[in-house]
Amino acid sequence: MPQQCPFCHFINNKPGDLWVVGETENFYAWLEYPEPRAKGQTNIVPKEHKESLLELSEKEWEEAMFLLRETVQRIMEGLDADGVSVTMNVKKAGGQVVPHAYIQIFPRFMEDENAGTPTGAIFPKREELQDEDIFQEVQSSIKSADIGSGKPPKQRPAIAKRDVKHDSGDEEKDEEEEEKDEEEEEEEDKRNKSAADQWERMKRGGY
């Protein structure tokens, strides 16, 4: 633990000075104090010193996400917030200003001047990054990175059509199953189109 870690100082020496709004075995949720940037701004912070969020174990990640979701729900209900923004800053270049891992929750209200502005709007669009060759290069670099124990993301299995067997006594049942599969495929296509349309709207809105 660094001697100059302010979070560890309060956690170990002055826990009563923290404005705690939620807690689990290994994490606190406390109000940003004394200069919050939003009403109800809250930090999710591990009790044990972790230099960055990358040092959390899988179990700790699950616990942090549980407390994050619970805190967001409390903020939405208790403060009547119209929305929230959640940020995870890793390393100095990523905006991490304290040498102790934390997740920030910013309640959002429609009456605020910046209502509706996504946090990603701080990054201006860069035309040089829109080249398809750049996308392929970036995709390849990210996917090939060696992260040790990292596990590949789970993919949703594709819906496979069943072969209709006419040599059995269950032809009618097989036809019903095929119709059901076709309906599921149509619903999947609708969801994909909706997601694509939403992505285009987000890009136009400065996401």
C-alpha atoms as a PDB file:
ATOM      1  CA  MET A   1       0.000   0.000   0.000  1.00  0.00           C
ATOM      2  CA  PRO A   2       1.514   3.362  -1.032  1.00  0.00           C
ATOM      3  CA  GLN A   3       1.987   5.736   1.908  1.00  0.00           C
ATOM      4  CA  GLN A   4       0.302   8.513  -0.062  1.00  0.00           C
ATOM      5  CA  CYS A   5      -2.873   6.604  -1.044  1.00  0.00           C
ATOM      6  CA  PRO A   6      -5.729   8.815   0.208  1.00  0.00           C
ATOM      7  CA  PHE A   7      -8.338   6.085  -0.119  1.00  0.00           C
ATOM      8  CA  CYS A   8      -6.331   3.664   2.034  1.00  0.00           C
ATOM      9  CA  HIS A   9      -5.800   6.441   4.576  1.00  0.00           C
ATOM     10  CA  PHE A  10      -9.531   6.885   5.093  1.00  0.00           C
ATOM     11  CA  ILE A  11     -10.418   3.182   4.828  1.00  0.00           C
ATOM     12  CA  ASN A  12      -7.812   2.170   7.434  1.00  0.00           C
ATOM     13  CA  ASN A  13      -7.801   5.199   9.721  1.00  0.00           C
ATOM     14  CA  LYS A  14     -10.974   7.248   9.290  1.00  0.00           C
ATOM     15  CA  PRO A  15     -13.765   5.024   7.937  1.00  0.00           C
ATOM     16  CA  GLY A  16     -16.267   7.098   9.899  1.00  0.00           C
ATOM     17  CA  ASP A  17     -15.450  10.103   7.707  1.00  0.00           C
ATOM     18  CA  LEU A  18     -16.603   8.294   4.565  1.00  0.00           C
ATOM     19  CA  TRP A  19     -20.116   9.079   3.328  1.00  0.00           C
ATOM     20  CA  VAL A  20     -20.980   5.414   2.776  1.00  0.00           C
ATOM     21  CA  VAL A  21     -24.178   4.574   0.864  1.00  0.00           C
ATOM     22  CA  GLY A  22     -23.479   0.883   0.241  1.00  0.00           C
ATOM     23  CA  GLU A  23     -21.066  -1.858   1.251  1.00  0.00           C
ATOM     24  CA  THR A  24     -20.145  -5.466   0.556  1.00  0.00           C
ATOM     25  CA  GLU A  25     -17.455  -7.670   2.072  1.00  0.00           C
ATOM     26  CA  ASN A  26     -14.692  -6.194  -0.081  1.00  0.00           C
ATOM     27  CA  PHE A  27     -16.068  -2.899  -1.426  1.00  0.00           C
ATOM     28  CA  TYR A  28     -17.478   0.424  -0.331  1.00  0.00           C
ATOM     29  CA  ALA A  29     -19.823   2.723  -2.200  1.00  0.00           C
ATOM     30  CA  TRP A  30     -19.279   6.250  -0.891  1.00  0.00           C
ATOM     31  CA  LEU A  31     -20.311   9.730  -1.946  1.00  0.00           C
ATOM     32  CA  GLU A  32     -17.696  11.901  -3.620  1.00  0.00           C
ATOM     33  CA  TYR A  33     -16.761  14.478  -0.973  1.00  0.00           C
ATOM     34  CA  PRO A  34     -16.267  17.399  -0.559  1.00  0.00           C
ATOM     35  CA  GLU A  35     -16.516  18.505  -4.215  1.00  0.00           C
ATOM     36  CA  PRO A  36     -18.908  16.282  -6.166  1.00  0.00           C
ATOM     37  CA  ARG A  37     -19.368  17.024  -9.863  1.00  0.00           C
ATOM     38  CA  ALA A  38     -22.963  15.802  -9.738  1.00  0.00           C
ATOM     39  CA  LYS A  39     -25.588  15.450  -7.042  1.00  0.00           C
ATOM     40  CA  GLY A  40     -25.060  11.994  -5.582  1.00  0.00           C
ATOM     41  CA  GLN A  41     -21.766  11.276  -7.370  1.00  0.00           C
ATOM     42  CA  THR A  42     -20.601   7.960  -5.904  1.00  0.00           C
ATOM     43  CA  ASN A  43     -17.404   5.914  -5.957  1.00  0.00           C
ATOM     44  CA  ILE A  44     -17.210   2.120  -5.854  1.00  0.00           C
ATOM     45  CA  VAL A  45     -13.890   1.381  -4.130  1.00  0.00           C
ATOM     46  CA  PRO A  46     -12.172  -1.866  -3.043  1.00  0.00           C
ATOM     47  CA  LYS A  47     -11.325  -1.925   0.671  1.00  0.00           C
ATOM     48  CA  GLU A  48      -7.983  -3.593  -0.034  1.00  0.00           C
ATOM     49  CA  HIS A  49      -5.468  -1.526  -1.969  1.00  0.00           C
ATOM     50  CA  LYS A  50      -5.584  -2.237  -5.689  1.00  0.00           C
ATOM     51  CA  GLU A  51      -3.487  -0.055  -7.959  1.00  0.00           C
ATOM     52  CA  SER A  52      -6.048  -0.268 -10.762  1.00  0.00           C
ATOM     53  CA  LEU A  53      -9.227  -2.079 -11.745  1.00  0.00           C
ATOM     54  CA  LEU A  54      -7.113  -4.551 -13.715  1.00  0.00           C
ATOM     55  CA  GLU A  55      -5.905  -6.039 -10.431  1.00  0.00           C
ATOM     56  CA  LEU A  56      -9.371  -7.202  -9.379  1.00  0.00           C
ATOM     57  CA  SER A  57      -9.957 -10.941  -9.409  1.00  0.00           C
ATOM     58  CA  GLU A  58     -12.948 -12.405 -11.250  1.00  0.00           C
ATOM     59  CA  LYS A  59     -14.780 -12.830  -7.956  1.00  0.00           C
ATOM     60  CA  GLU A  60     -14.012  -9.227  -6.996  1.00  0.00           C
ATOM     61  CA  TRP A  61     -15.273  -8.016 -10.370  1.00  0.00           C
ATOM     62  CA  GLU A  62     -18.564  -9.830  -9.797  1.00  0.00           C
ATOM     63  CA  GLU A  63     -18.855  -8.317  -6.330  1.00  0.00           C
ATOM     64  CA  ALA A  64     -18.049  -4.829  -7.633  1.00  0.00           C
ATOM     65  CA  MET A  65     -20.660  -5.137 -10.392  1.00  0.00           C
ATOM     66  CA  PHE A  66     -23.254  -6.295  -7.868  1.00  0.00           C
ATOM     67  CA  LEU A  67     -22.616  -3.238  -5.686  1.00  0.00           C
ATOM     68  CA  LEU A  68     -22.523  -0.989  -8.755  1.00  0.00           C
ATOM     69  CA  ARG A  69     -25.925  -2.151  -9.941  1.00  0.00           C
ATOM     70  CA  GLU A  70     -27.401  -1.905  -6.450  1.00  0.00           C
ATOM     71  CA  THR A  71     -26.023   1.619  -6.016  1.00  0.00           C
ATOM     72  CA  VAL A  72     -27.335   2.753  -9.412  1.00  0.00           C
ATOM     73  CA  GLN A  73     -30.786   1.467  -8.474  1.00  0.00           C
ATOM     74  CA  ARG A  74     -30.634   3.300  -5.139  1.00  0.00           C
ATOM     75  CA  ILE A  75     -29.581   6.509  -6.887  1.00  0.00           C
ATOM     76  CA  MET A  76     -32.360   6.262  -9.459  1.00  0.00           C
ATOM     77  CA  GLU A  77     -34.950   5.606  -6.771  1.00  0.00           C
ATOM     78  CA  GLY A  78     -33.650   7.732  -3.896  1.00  0.00           C
ATOM     79  CA  LEU A  79     -32.631  10.828  -5.864  1.00  0.00           C
ATOM     80  CA  ASP A  80     -35.201  10.445  -8.642  1.00  0.00           C
ATOM     81  CA  ALA A  81     -32.331  10.613 -11.135  1.00  0.00           C
ATOM     82  CA  ASP A  82     -33.273  10.468 -14.812  1.00  0.00           C
ATOM     83  CA  GLY A  83     -30.194   8.434 -15.675  1.00  0.00           C
ATOM     84  CA  VAL A  84     -26.604   7.720 -14.690  1.00  0.00           C
ATOM     85  CA  SER A  85     -23.182   7.634 -16.317  1.00  0.00           C
ATOM     86  CA  VAL A  86     -20.612   5.111 -15.105  1.00  0.00           C
ATOM     87  CA  THR A  87     -16.907   5.623 -15.748  1.00  0.00           C
ATOM     88  CA  MET A  88     -13.900   3.363 -15.191  1.00  0.00           C
ATOM     89  CA  ASN A  89     -10.612   5.232 -15.415  1.00  0.00           C
ATOM     90  CA  VAL A  90      -7.480   3.068 -15.704  1.00  0.00           C
ATOM     91  CA  LYS A  91      -3.981   4.548 -15.556  1.00  0.00           C
ATOM     92  CA  LYS A  92      -3.040   8.224 -15.722  1.00  0.00           C
ATOM     93  CA  ALA A  93      -3.717   8.588 -19.453  1.00  0.00           C
ATOM     94  CA  GLY A  94      -7.171   7.133 -18.861  1.00  0.00           C
ATOM     95  CA  GLY A  95      -8.023   9.774 -16.263  1.00  0.00           C
ATOM     96  CA  GLN A  96      -7.202   7.854 -13.083  1.00  0.00           C
ATOM     97  CA  VAL A  97      -6.207  10.526 -10.560  1.00  0.00           C
ATOM     98  CA  VAL A  98      -5.931   8.370  -7.410  1.00  0.00           C
ATOM     99  CA  PRO A  99      -3.500   5.409  -7.158  1.00  0.00           C
ATOM    100  CA  HIS A 100      -6.327   3.184  -5.944  1.00  0.00           C
ATOM    101  CA  ALA A 101      -8.935   1.480  -8.132  1.00  0.00           C
ATOM    102  CA  TYR A 102     -12.370   3.079  -8.299  1.00  0.00           C
ATOM    103  CA  ILE A 103     -15.530   3.207 -10.404  1.00  0.00           C
ATOM    104  CA  GLN A 104     -17.449   6.477 -10.626  1.00  0.00           C
ATOM    105  CA  ILE A 105     -21.216   6.858 -10.823  1.00  0.00           C
ATOM    106  CA  PHE A 106     -22.588  10.206 -12.026  1.00  0.00           C
ATOM    107  CA  PRO A 107     -26.343  10.705 -11.551  1.00  0.00           C
ATOM    108  CA  ARG A 108     -27.880  12.579 -14.503  1.00  0.00           C
ATOM    109  CA  PHE A 109     -30.892  14.882 -14.406  1.00  0.00           C
ATOM    110  CA  MET A 110     -32.862  16.324 -17.308  1.00  0.00           C
ATOM    111  CA  GLU A 111     -32.696  19.845 -15.865  1.00  0.00           C
ATOM    112  CA  ASP A 112     -28.890  19.806 -15.979  1.00  0.00           C
ATOM    113  CA  GLU A 113     -27.206  21.767 -18.761  1.00  0.00           C
ATOM    114  CA  ASN A 114     -25.302  18.678 -19.953  1.00  0.00           C
ATOM    115  CA  ALA A 115     -28.287  16.322 -19.840  1.00  0.00           C
ATOM    116  CA  GLY A 116     -28.161  13.782 -22.641  1.00  0.00           C
ATOM    117  CA  THR A 117     -24.484  14.353 -23.406  1.00  0.00           C
ATOM    118  CA  PRO A 118     -22.654  10.991 -23.358  1.00  0.00           C
ATOM    119  CA  THR A 119     -19.332  10.798 -21.561  1.00  0.00           C
ATOM    120  CA  GLY A 120     -17.784   9.644 -24.833  1.00  0.00           C
ATOM    121  CA  ALA A 121     -18.421  13.121 -26.245  1.00  0.00           C
ATOM    122  CA  ILE A 122     -15.118  14.278 -24.736  1.00  0.00           C
ATOM    123  CA  PHE A 123     -13.437  12.421 -27.610  1.00  0.00           C
ATOM    124  CA  PRO A 124     -13.753  14.345 -30.898  1.00  0.00           C
ATOM    125  CA  LYS A 125     -14.353  12.337 -34.049  1.00  0.00           C
ATOM    126  CA  ARG A 126     -11.127  11.640 -35.949  1.00  0.00           C
ATOM    127  CA  GLU A 127     -11.431  11.023 -39.663  1.00  0.00           C
ATOM    128  CA  GLU A 128      -8.053   9.249 -39.840  1.00  0.00           C
ATOM    129  CA  LEU A 129      -9.435   6.494 -37.598  1.00  0.00           C
ATOM    130  CA  GLN A 130     -12.400   5.776 -39.890  1.00  0.00           C
ATOM    131  CA  ASP A 131     -10.353   3.941 -42.520  1.00  0.00           C
ATOM    132  CA  GLU A 132     -11.257   0.251 -42.809  1.00  0.00           C
ATOM    133  CA  ASP A 133      -7.579  -0.745 -42.817  1.00  0.00           C
ATOM    134  CA  ILE A 134      -7.206   0.964 -39.441  1.00  0.00           C
ATOM    135  CA  PHE A 135     -10.200  -0.971 -38.091  1.00  0.00           C
ATOM    136  CA  GLN A 136      -8.673  -4.246 -39.246  1.00  0.00           C
ATOM    137  CA  GLU A 137      -5.316  -3.354 -37.708  1.00  0.00           C
ATOM    138  CA  VAL A 138      -6.894  -2.348 -34.398  1.00  0.00           C
ATOM    139  CA  GLN A 139      -9.112  -5.435 -34.316  1.00  0.00           C
ATOM    140  CA  SER A 140      -6.158  -7.707 -34.955  1.00  0.00           C
ATOM    141  CA  SER A 141      -4.008  -6.005 -32.309  1.00  0.00           C
ATOM    142  CA  ILE A 142      -6.681  -6.240 -29.634  1.00  0.00           C
ATOM    143  CA  LYS A 143      -7.723  -9.821 -30.358  1.00  0.00           C
ATOM    144  CA  SER A 144      -4.140 -11.098 -30.475  1.00  0.00           C
ATOM    145  CA  ALA A 145      -3.058  -9.436 -27.213  1.00  0.00           C
ATOM    146  CA  ASP A 146      -1.734 -11.950 -24.660  1.00  0.00           C
ATOM    147  CA  ILE A 147      -3.548 -11.278 -21.376  1.00  0.00           C
ATOM    148  CA  GLY A 148      -2.629 -14.471 -19.572  1.00  0.00           C
ATOM    149  CA  SER A 149      -5.681 -15.909 -17.839  1.00  0.00           C
ATOM    150  CA  GLY A 150      -8.157 -13.876 -19.851  1.00  0.00           C
ATOM    151  CA  LYS A 151     -11.118 -15.880 -21.121  1.00  0.00           C
ATOM    152  CA  PRO A 152     -12.747 -15.337 -24.527  1.00  0.00           C
ATOM    153  CA  PRO A 153     -16.202 -13.728 -24.434  1.00  0.00           C
ATOM    154  CA  LYS A 154     -19.146 -16.053 -24.645  1.00  0.00           C
ATOM    155  CA  GLN A 155     -20.872 -15.954 -27.999  1.00  0.00           C
ATOM    156  CA  ARG A 156     -24.548 -16.454 -28.537  1.00  0.00           C
ATOM    157  CA  PRO A 157     -24.997 -19.751 -30.386  1.00  0.00           C
ATOM    158  CA  ALA A 158     -26.491 -19.511 -33.838  1.00  0.00           C
ATOM    159  CA  ILE A 159     -29.932 -20.972 -34.317  1.00  0.00           C
ATOM    160  CA  ALA A 160     -29.584 -24.127 -36.371  1.00  0.00           C
ATOM    161  CA  LYS A 161     -32.393 -25.339 -38.581  1.00  0.00           C
ATOM    162  CA  ARG A 162     -33.556 -28.871 -38.008  1.00  0.00           C
ATOM    163  CA  ASP A 163     -33.945 -31.239 -40.926  1.00  0.00           C
ATOM    164  CA  VAL A 164     -37.541 -32.250 -41.474  1.00  0.00           C
ATOM    165  CA  LYS A 165     -37.768 -36.006 -41.487  1.00  0.00           C
ATOM    166  CA  HIS A 166     -40.556 -37.364 -43.626  1.00  0.00           C
ATOM    167  CA  ASP A 167     -39.904 -41.003 -42.831  1.00  0.00           C
ATOM    168  CA  SER A 168     -41.157 -40.762 -39.240  1.00  0.00           C
ATOM    169  CA  GLY A 169     -44.538 -40.522 -37.665  1.00  0.00           C
ATOM    170  CA  ASP A 170     -43.721 -37.087 -36.256  1.00  0.00           C
ATOM    171  CA  GLU A 171     -43.823 -35.109 -39.521  1.00  0.00           C
ATOM    172  CA  GLU A 172     -46.374 -32.641 -38.148  1.00  0.00           C
ATOM    173  CA  LYS A 173     -44.243 -32.067 -35.028  1.00  0.00           C
ATOM    174  CA  ASP A 174     -41.132 -31.510 -37.139  1.00  0.00           C
ATOM    175  CA  GLU A 175     -42.964 -28.917 -39.229  1.00  0.00           C
ATOM    176  CA  GLU A 176     -44.024 -27.076 -36.071  1.00  0.00           C
ATOM    177  CA  GLU A 177     -40.419 -27.073 -34.828  1.00  0.00           C
ATOM    178  CA  GLU A 178     -39.209 -25.740 -38.196  1.00  0.00           C
ATOM    179  CA  GLU A 179     -41.792 -22.944 -38.094  1.00  0.00           C
ATOM    180  CA  LYS A 180     -40.678 -22.112 -34.558  1.00  0.00           C
ATOM    181  CA  ASP A 181     -37.040 -21.957 -35.695  1.00  0.00           C
ATOM    182  CA  GLU A 182     -37.977 -19.634 -38.560  1.00  0.00           C
ATOM    183  CA  GLU A 183     -39.866 -17.362 -36.166  1.00  0.00           C
ATOM    184  CA  GLU A 184     -36.833 -17.260 -33.854  1.00  0.00           C
ATOM    185  CA  GLU A 185     -34.603 -16.368 -36.787  1.00  0.00           C
ATOM    186  CA  GLU A 186     -36.963 -13.553 -37.784  1.00  0.00           C
ATOM    187  CA  GLU A 187     -36.916 -12.203 -34.224  1.00  0.00           C
ATOM    188  CA  GLU A 188     -33.113 -12.405 -34.221  1.00  0.00           C
ATOM    189  CA  ASP A 189     -32.981 -10.452 -37.497  1.00  0.00           C
ATOM    190  CA  LYS A 190     -35.273  -7.802 -36.008  1.00  0.00           C
ATOM    191  CA  ARG A 191     -33.069  -7.472 -32.921  1.00  0.00           C
ATOM    192  CA  ASN A 192     -29.950  -7.182 -35.053  1.00  0.00           C
ATOM    193  CA  LYS A 193     -31.542  -4.526 -37.257  1.00  0.00           C
ATOM    194  CA  SER A 194     -32.725  -2.610 -34.188  1.00  0.00           C
ATOM    195  CA  ALA A 195     -29.241  -2.729 -32.673  1.00  0.00           C
ATOM    196  CA  ALA A 196     -27.687  -1.575 -35.953  1.00  0.00           C
ATOM    197  CA  ASP A 197     -30.169   1.299 -36.240  1.00  0.00           C
ATOM    198  CA  GLN A 198     -29.492   2.334 -32.655  1.00  0.00           C
ATOM    199  CA  TRP A 199     -25.738   2.238 -33.292  1.00  0.00           C
ATOM    200  CA  GLU A 200     -26.154   4.544 -36.298  1.00  0.00           C
ATOM    201  CA  ARG A 201     -28.232   6.984 -34.211  1.00  0.00           C
ATOM    202  CA  MET A 202     -25.598   6.925 -31.481  1.00  0.00           C
ATOM    203  CA  LYS A 203     -22.823   7.674 -33.979  1.00  0.00           C
ATOM    204  CA  ARG A 204     -24.773  10.567 -35.433  1.00  0.00           C
ATOM    205  CA  GLY A 205     -25.376  11.874 -31.913  1.00  0.00           C
ATOM    206  CA  GLY A 206     -21.654  12.011 -31.098  1.00  0.00           C
ATOM    207  CA  TYR A 207     -21.303   8.772 -29.139  1.00  0.00           C
END
